[in-house]
Amino acid sequence: MATEKWHDPVKVGFEGADLKTVNGPFDALKCLADLWPSARGLHYIKARSTCRAALDGRKSVEEARAEFLAAAEEAKLKLLH
């Protein structure tokens, strides 16, 4: 299910990198694992869990998008969505 996409991709600004376009839960998990700042709170944990659940078909991709956005806001990342 790595091909599941969000209706509206999210562009996220990570420190020291250009804006990255996140198209769905698979991309979001890669960002959460590889690019996320060291400050990781409750929204980060919920986003990881919900993105995995979306890939397994237990949650909707849009639920994963909402949790990813909450985690990005919690981490004070620049967002365009």
Protein backbone atom coordinates (compact mmCIF):
# COMPACT_ATOMS: atom_id res chain seq x y z
CA MET A 1 0.00 0.00 0.00
CA ALA A 2 3.01 2.31 -0.31
CA THR A 3 1.28 3.87 -3.32
CA GLU A 4 -1.53 5.46 -1.27
CA LYS A 5 -1.51 9.24 -1.82
CA TRP A 6 -3.10 12.22 -0.13
CA HIS A 7 -5.54 14.38 -2.08
CA ASP A 8 -3.34 17.41 -1.34
CA PRO A 9 0.42 16.88 -1.02
CA VAL A 10 2.20 18.73 1.77
CA LYS A 11 5.41 20.69 1.29
CA VAL A 12 7.61 20.70 4.39
CA GLY A 13 10.74 22.73 5.03
CA PHE A 14 13.41 20.81 6.91
CA GLU A 15 16.51 22.49 8.29
CA GLY A 16 19.32 22.57 5.75
CA ALA A 17 17.15 21.24 2.92
CA ASP A 18 14.82 22.49 0.22
CA LEU A 19 11.09 22.07 0.66
CA LYS A 20 10.20 18.40 0.44
CA THR A 21 6.90 17.33 -1.11
CA VAL A 22 5.19 14.64 0.96
CA ASN A 23 2.59 12.81 -1.12
CA GLY A 24 1.25 10.24 1.33
CA PRO A 25 1.85 8.13 4.42
CA PHE A 26 4.85 6.29 2.97
CA ASP A 27 6.65 9.59 2.20
CA ALA A 28 5.60 10.89 5.62
CA LEU A 29 7.15 7.90 7.39
CA LYS A 30 10.41 8.44 5.50
CA CYS A 31 10.45 12.09 6.64
CA LEU A 32 9.58 11.16 10.21
CA ALA A 33 12.43 8.62 10.27
CA ASP A 34 15.13 10.39 8.27
CA LEU A 35 14.59 14.16 8.32
CA TRP A 36 12.73 14.98 11.52
CA PRO A 37 14.31 17.33 14.06
CA SER A 38 15.42 15.79 17.36
CA ALA A 39 12.51 17.38 19.25
CA ARG A 40 9.87 14.66 18.99
CA GLY A 41 6.64 14.92 20.94
CA LEU A 42 3.29 13.20 21.20
CA HIS A 43 2.16 14.32 17.72
CA TYR A 44 5.32 12.80 16.21
CA ILE A 45 4.51 9.45 17.83
CA LYS A 46 0.85 9.63 16.75
CA ALA A 47 1.87 10.55 13.18
CA ARG A 48 4.21 7.57 12.92
CA SER A 49 1.55 5.22 14.24
CA THR A 50 -1.24 6.61 12.05
CA CYS A 51 0.90 6.56 8.89
CA ARG A 52 1.77 2.91 9.52
CA ALA A 53 -1.91 2.15 10.15
CA ALA A 54 -2.86 3.89 6.89
CA LEU A 55 -0.37 1.78 4.96
CA ASP A 56 -1.88 -1.34 6.57
CA GLY A 57 -5.43 -0.20 5.74
CA ARG A 58 -6.42 0.31 9.40
CA LYS A 59 -6.68 4.12 9.11
CA SER A 60 -7.46 6.43 6.20
CA VAL A 61 -4.70 8.23 4.35
CA GLU A 62 -6.36 11.53 5.26
CA GLU A 63 -6.19 10.67 8.98
CA ALA A 64 -2.47 10.09 8.47
CA ARG A 65 -2.17 13.45 6.71
CA ALA A 66 -3.85 15.25 9.61
CA GLU A 67 -1.52 13.62 12.15
CA PHE A 68 1.53 14.39 9.99
CA LEU A 69 0.50 18.05 9.79
CA ALA A 70 0.01 18.16 13.57
CA ALA A 71 3.48 16.70 14.08
CA ALA A 72 5.03 19.20 11.66
CA GLU A 73 3.34 22.08 13.46
CA GLU A 74 4.49 20.67 16.81
CA ALA A 75 8.08 20.58 15.47
CA LYS A 76 7.66 24.15 14.16
CA LEU A 77 8.50 23.12 10.60
CA LYS A 78 7.63 25.36 7.67
CA LEU A 79 4.51 24.04 5.94
CA LEU A 80 2.82 24.73 2.63
CA HIS A 81 -0.42 22.80 2.26
